[in-house]
Amino acid sequence: MKTKLILGSIIVNTMLIGSLAYADQYSTDHPMTYVKDSIITGKVKAKFVDDELIRTQTDIQVNTDARGVVVLSGTSMNKDAADRAEFVARHTDGVADVWNHVKVK
């Protein structure tokens, strides 16, 4: 009787540990998620610095979520610069989508 109880307990624990490891692989709280988000944000910001229109005509903040969606916020001196920022962000490796919340002054 004790053998069956111990064996059953081992099997249940093994299955539980396996399922937790699998779930953790796809968790948005995983440290690698933040690294990936930071890399995408850094790439977009670097492209903004390299683009004279964006660099001189905007004050844009860039945030990236766990799914690779980039959110642009802040201000722009004109619509062309805001549109250019969205275009540049959208054509950056790793970006799944862009939400442009930039306000034109």
N, C-alpha and C. Protein backbone atom coordinates (compact mmCIF):
# COMPACT_ATOMS: atom_id res chain seq x y z
N MET A 1 0.83 -1.20 0.00
CA MET A 1 0.00 0.00 0.00
C MET A 1 0.87 1.26 0.00
N LYS A 2 1.94 1.27 0.83
CA LYS A 2 2.83 2.42 0.88
C LYS A 2 3.54 2.62 -0.45
N THR A 3 3.88 1.52 -1.10
CA THR A 3 4.58 1.60 -2.38
C THR A 3 3.71 2.27 -3.43
N LYS A 4 2.43 1.91 -3.47
CA LYS A 4 1.52 2.53 -4.44
C LYS A 4 1.36 4.03 -4.16
N LEU A 5 1.26 4.38 -2.89
CA LEU A 5 1.11 5.78 -2.51
C LEU A 5 2.35 6.59 -2.90
N ILE A 6 3.53 6.05 -2.63
CA ILE A 6 4.78 6.74 -2.97
C ILE A 6 4.93 6.84 -4.48
N LEU A 7 4.67 5.74 -5.18
CA LEU A 7 4.79 5.73 -6.63
C LEU A 7 3.80 6.73 -7.26
N GLY A 8 2.58 6.76 -6.79
CA GLY A 8 1.57 7.71 -7.30
C GLY A 8 1.98 9.15 -7.03
N SER A 9 2.54 9.39 -5.88
CA SER A 9 3.01 10.72 -5.52
C SER A 9 4.15 11.17 -6.43
N ILE A 10 5.06 10.27 -6.72
CA ILE A 10 6.19 10.58 -7.61
C ILE A 10 5.68 10.91 -9.02
N ILE A 11 4.75 10.13 -9.51
CA ILE A 11 4.21 10.36 -10.85
C ILE A 11 3.50 11.71 -10.93
N VAL A 12 2.67 12.02 -9.95
CA VAL A 12 1.94 13.29 -9.94
C VAL A 12 2.92 14.46 -9.87
N ASN A 13 3.92 14.38 -9.01
CA ASN A 13 4.90 15.46 -8.87
C ASN A 13 5.71 15.65 -10.15
N THR A 14 6.07 14.57 -10.80
CA THR A 14 6.81 14.65 -12.06
C THR A 14 5.99 15.34 -13.13
N MET A 15 4.72 14.98 -13.22
CA MET A 15 3.85 15.62 -14.21
C MET A 15 3.66 17.10 -13.89
N LEU A 16 3.51 17.44 -12.64
CA LEU A 16 3.31 18.82 -12.22
C LEU A 16 4.54 19.66 -12.54
N ILE A 17 5.71 19.17 -12.23
CA ILE A 17 6.95 19.89 -12.50
C ILE A 17 7.12 20.09 -14.00
N GLY A 18 6.84 19.08 -14.79
CA GLY A 18 6.94 19.19 -16.25
C GLY A 18 6.01 20.24 -16.81
N SER A 19 4.78 20.27 -16.30
CA SER A 19 3.82 21.25 -16.82
C SER A 19 4.18 22.67 -16.39
N LEU A 20 4.74 22.84 -15.21
CA LEU A 20 5.18 24.16 -14.76
C LEU A 20 6.34 24.66 -15.60
N ALA A 21 7.27 23.79 -15.93
CA ALA A 21 8.41 24.18 -16.76
C ALA A 21 7.92 24.59 -18.14
N TYR A 22 6.95 23.87 -18.70
CA TYR A 22 6.39 24.20 -20.01
C TYR A 22 5.68 25.55 -19.96
N ALA A 23 4.88 25.80 -18.93
CA ALA A 23 4.16 27.06 -18.80
C ALA A 23 5.11 28.23 -18.63
N ASP A 24 6.20 28.04 -17.89
CA ASP A 24 7.16 29.11 -17.65
C ASP A 24 7.85 29.53 -18.93
N GLN A 25 7.98 28.62 -19.86
CA GLN A 25 8.64 28.91 -21.13
C GLN A 25 7.88 30.00 -21.90
N TYR A 26 6.56 30.08 -21.74
CA TYR A 26 5.75 31.02 -22.48
C TYR A 26 5.21 32.15 -21.61
N SER A 27 5.70 32.29 -20.42
CA SER A 27 5.24 33.33 -19.51
C SER A 27 5.80 34.68 -19.92
N THR A 28 4.98 35.73 -19.81
CA THR A 28 5.47 37.07 -20.11
C THR A 28 6.27 37.64 -18.95
N ASP A 29 6.28 36.94 -17.82
CA ASP A 29 7.07 37.39 -16.68
C ASP A 29 8.48 36.84 -16.72
N HIS A 30 8.80 36.08 -17.73
CA HIS A 30 10.13 35.50 -17.84
C HIS A 30 11.15 36.59 -18.11
N PRO A 31 12.32 36.56 -17.47
CA PRO A 31 13.33 37.60 -17.66
C PRO A 31 13.74 37.82 -19.11
N MET A 32 13.75 36.77 -19.92
CA MET A 32 14.15 36.92 -21.32
C MET A 32 13.15 37.76 -22.10
N THR A 33 11.88 37.81 -21.65
CA THR A 33 10.89 38.65 -22.31
C THR A 33 11.30 40.10 -22.23
N TYR A 34 11.76 40.52 -21.05
CA TYR A 34 12.17 41.91 -20.87
C TYR A 34 13.42 42.23 -21.68
N VAL A 35 14.32 41.29 -21.81
CA VAL A 35 15.51 41.50 -22.62
C VAL A 35 15.11 41.71 -24.07
N LYS A 36 14.22 40.86 -24.58
CA LYS A 36 13.75 40.98 -25.96
C LYS A 36 13.07 42.33 -26.18
N ASP A 37 12.21 42.74 -25.25
CA ASP A 37 11.52 44.02 -25.35
C ASP A 37 12.52 45.17 -25.37
N SER A 38 13.52 45.09 -24.53
CA SER A 38 14.54 46.14 -24.45
C SER A 38 15.34 46.22 -25.74
N ILE A 39 15.62 45.09 -26.33
CA ILE A 39 16.38 45.08 -27.58
C ILE A 39 15.57 45.75 -28.69
N ILE A 40 14.31 45.44 -28.80
CA ILE A 40 13.47 46.06 -29.82
C ILE A 40 13.38 47.57 -29.58
N THR A 41 13.14 47.96 -28.33
CA THR A 41 13.07 49.39 -27.99
C THR A 41 14.37 50.09 -28.36
N GLY A 42 15.49 49.47 -28.04
CA GLY A 42 16.80 50.05 -28.35
C GLY A 42 17.03 50.20 -29.85
N LYS A 43 16.60 49.21 -30.62
CA LYS A 43 16.75 49.29 -32.08
C LYS A 43 15.93 50.46 -32.65
N VAL A 44 14.70 50.60 -32.17
CA VAL A 44 13.84 51.69 -32.66
C VAL A 44 14.45 53.04 -32.28
N LYS A 45 14.89 53.18 -31.03
CA LYS A 45 15.48 54.45 -30.59
C LYS A 45 16.75 54.78 -31.37
N ALA A 46 17.55 53.79 -31.66
CA ALA A 46 18.78 54.01 -32.44
C ALA A 46 18.44 54.51 -33.85
N LYS A 47 17.41 53.94 -34.45
CA LYS A 47 16.99 54.40 -35.77
C LYS A 47 16.46 55.83 -35.71
N PHE A 48 15.78 56.18 -34.62
CA PHE A 48 15.28 57.54 -34.46
C PHE A 48 16.43 58.53 -34.37
N VAL A 49 17.50 58.17 -33.68
CA VAL A 49 18.67 59.04 -33.56
C VAL A 49 19.34 59.23 -34.92
N ASP A 50 19.36 58.19 -35.73
CA ASP A 50 19.99 58.25 -37.05
C ASP A 50 19.16 59.04 -38.08
N ASP A 51 17.88 59.21 -37.82
CA ASP A 51 17.00 59.90 -38.76
C ASP A 51 16.89 61.38 -38.36
N GLU A 52 17.40 62.28 -39.21
CA GLU A 52 17.45 63.70 -38.86
C GLU A 52 16.06 64.30 -38.63
N LEU A 53 15.08 63.95 -39.46
CA LEU A 53 13.73 64.50 -39.29
C LEU A 53 13.14 64.12 -37.94
N ILE A 54 13.28 62.86 -37.56
CA ILE A 54 12.74 62.40 -36.28
C ILE A 54 13.52 63.03 -35.13
N ARG A 55 14.83 63.03 -35.24
CA ARG A 55 15.69 63.54 -34.16
C ARG A 55 15.43 65.03 -33.89
N THR A 56 15.22 65.82 -34.93
CA THR A 56 15.10 67.27 -34.75
C THR A 56 13.68 67.77 -34.58
N GLN A 57 12.69 66.98 -35.00
CA GLN A 57 11.31 67.47 -35.00
C GLN A 57 10.39 66.77 -34.00
N THR A 58 10.92 65.83 -33.23
CA THR A 58 10.04 65.07 -32.32
C THR A 58 10.65 64.91 -30.94
N ASP A 59 9.78 64.62 -30.00
CA ASP A 59 10.17 64.18 -28.66
C ASP A 59 9.30 62.96 -28.37
N ILE A 60 9.79 61.79 -28.81
CA ILE A 60 8.98 60.57 -28.78
C ILE A 60 9.56 59.56 -27.81
N GLN A 61 8.68 58.97 -27.01
CA GLN A 61 9.04 57.87 -26.13
C GLN A 61 8.63 56.56 -26.81
N VAL A 62 9.47 55.55 -26.62
CA VAL A 62 9.24 54.25 -27.25
C VAL A 62 9.12 53.19 -26.16
N ASN A 63 8.06 52.41 -26.20
CA ASN A 63 7.87 51.28 -25.29
C ASN A 63 7.47 50.07 -26.12
N THR A 64 7.94 48.90 -25.69
CA THR A 64 7.63 47.65 -26.39
C THR A 64 7.03 46.67 -25.41
N ASP A 65 5.94 46.02 -25.80
CA ASP A 65 5.34 45.02 -24.92
C ASP A 65 5.88 43.63 -25.24
N ALA A 66 5.42 42.63 -24.52
CA ALA A 66 5.95 41.27 -24.63
C ALA A 66 5.66 40.64 -26.00
N ARG A 67 4.69 41.16 -26.72
CA ARG A 67 4.34 40.61 -28.03
C ARG A 67 5.07 41.29 -29.17
N GLY A 68 5.93 42.26 -28.86
CA GLY A 68 6.65 42.98 -29.90
C GLY A 68 5.89 44.16 -30.46
N VAL A 69 4.86 44.60 -29.74
CA VAL A 69 4.09 45.77 -30.16
C VAL A 69 4.78 47.01 -29.60
N VAL A 70 5.14 47.93 -30.49
CA VAL A 70 5.81 49.17 -30.11
C VAL A 70 4.77 50.26 -29.96
N VAL A 71 4.83 50.97 -28.82
CA VAL A 71 3.91 52.08 -28.56
C VAL A 71 4.73 53.36 -28.58
N LEU A 72 4.36 54.27 -29.49
CA LEU A 72 5.02 55.56 -29.60
C LEU A 72 4.14 56.61 -28.93
N SER A 73 4.74 57.42 -28.07
CA SER A 73 4.01 58.51 -27.43
C SER A 73 4.92 59.73 -27.37
N GLY A 74 4.33 60.87 -27.08
CA GLY A 74 5.11 62.10 -27.02
C GLY A 74 4.58 63.11 -28.00
N THR A 75 5.47 64.01 -28.48
CA THR A 75 5.04 65.08 -29.36
C THR A 75 5.91 65.18 -30.60
N SER A 76 5.33 65.82 -31.61
CA SER A 76 6.02 66.05 -32.87
C SER A 76 5.68 67.46 -33.35
N MET A 77 6.64 68.09 -34.01
CA MET A 77 6.42 69.45 -34.52
C MET A 77 5.48 69.43 -35.73
N ASN A 78 5.45 68.31 -36.46
CA ASN A 78 4.57 68.23 -37.62
C ASN A 78 4.18 66.78 -37.89
N LYS A 79 3.16 66.61 -38.73
CA LYS A 79 2.63 65.28 -39.01
C LYS A 79 3.62 64.43 -39.78
N ASP A 80 4.41 65.02 -40.66
CA ASP A 80 5.40 64.26 -41.43
C ASP A 80 6.39 63.55 -40.52
N ALA A 81 6.85 64.23 -39.49
CA ALA A 81 7.82 63.63 -38.56
C ALA A 81 7.17 62.50 -37.76
N ALA A 82 5.93 62.69 -37.34
CA ALA A 82 5.22 61.64 -36.60
C ALA A 82 4.99 60.42 -37.48
N ASP A 83 4.60 60.65 -38.72
CA ASP A 83 4.40 59.54 -39.66
C ASP A 83 5.71 58.83 -39.97
N ARG A 84 6.78 59.60 -40.10
CA ARG A 84 8.10 59.01 -40.36
C ARG A 84 8.52 58.13 -39.18
N ALA A 85 8.27 58.56 -37.96
CA ALA A 85 8.61 57.77 -36.77
C ALA A 85 7.85 56.44 -36.78
N GLU A 86 6.58 56.49 -37.14
CA GLU A 86 5.79 55.25 -37.21
C GLU A 86 6.35 54.33 -38.29
N PHE A 87 6.68 54.89 -39.45
CA PHE A 87 7.23 54.09 -40.55
C PHE A 87 8.54 53.42 -40.15
N VAL A 88 9.44 54.19 -39.53
CA VAL A 88 10.74 53.66 -39.11
C VAL A 88 10.55 52.55 -38.07
N ALA A 89 9.68 52.78 -37.10
CA ALA A 89 9.44 51.78 -36.06
C ALA A 89 8.85 50.51 -36.67
N ARG A 90 7.91 50.67 -37.57
CA ARG A 90 7.24 49.53 -38.19
C ARG A 90 8.22 48.67 -39.00
N HIS A 91 9.25 49.27 -39.54
CA HIS A 91 10.23 48.56 -40.36
C HIS A 91 11.50 48.22 -39.59
N THR A 92 11.37 48.00 -38.30
CA THR A 92 12.48 47.58 -37.44
C THR A 92 12.32 46.10 -37.13
N ASP A 93 13.42 45.35 -37.19
CA ASP A 93 13.38 43.90 -36.91
C ASP A 93 12.78 43.63 -35.53
N GLY A 94 11.87 42.65 -35.49
CA GLY A 94 11.27 42.22 -34.23
C GLY A 94 9.97 42.92 -33.89
N VAL A 95 9.63 43.99 -34.61
CA VAL A 95 8.41 44.75 -34.32
C VAL A 95 7.21 44.05 -34.98
N ALA A 96 6.22 43.70 -34.16
CA ALA A 96 5.03 43.04 -34.67
C ALA A 96 3.97 44.05 -35.12
N ASP A 97 3.88 45.17 -34.41
CA ASP A 97 2.89 46.19 -34.73
C ASP A 97 3.34 47.49 -34.08
N VAL A 98 2.77 48.61 -34.53
CA VAL A 98 3.09 49.91 -33.96
C VAL A 98 1.80 50.64 -33.64
N TRP A 99 1.72 51.15 -32.42
CA TRP A 99 0.61 51.99 -32.01
C TRP A 99 1.17 53.41 -31.88
N ASN A 100 0.71 54.29 -32.72
CA ASN A 100 1.24 55.65 -32.75
C ASN A 100 0.31 56.58 -31.98
N HIS A 101 0.77 57.03 -30.79
CA HIS A 101 0.00 57.96 -29.96
C HIS A 101 0.72 59.31 -29.88
N VAL A 102 1.50 59.62 -30.90
CA VAL A 102 2.25 60.88 -30.92
C VAL A 102 1.29 62.02 -31.24
N LYS A 103 1.37 63.09 -30.44
CA LYS A 103 0.54 64.28 -30.64
C LYS A 103 1.32 65.30 -31.47
N VAL A 104 0.68 65.86 -32.47
CA VAL A 104 1.29 66.90 -33.30
C VAL A 104 0.97 68.26 -32.67
N LYS A 105 2.02 69.05 -32.44
CA LYS A 105 1.83 70.38 -31.82
C LYS A 105 1.25 71.36 -32.81
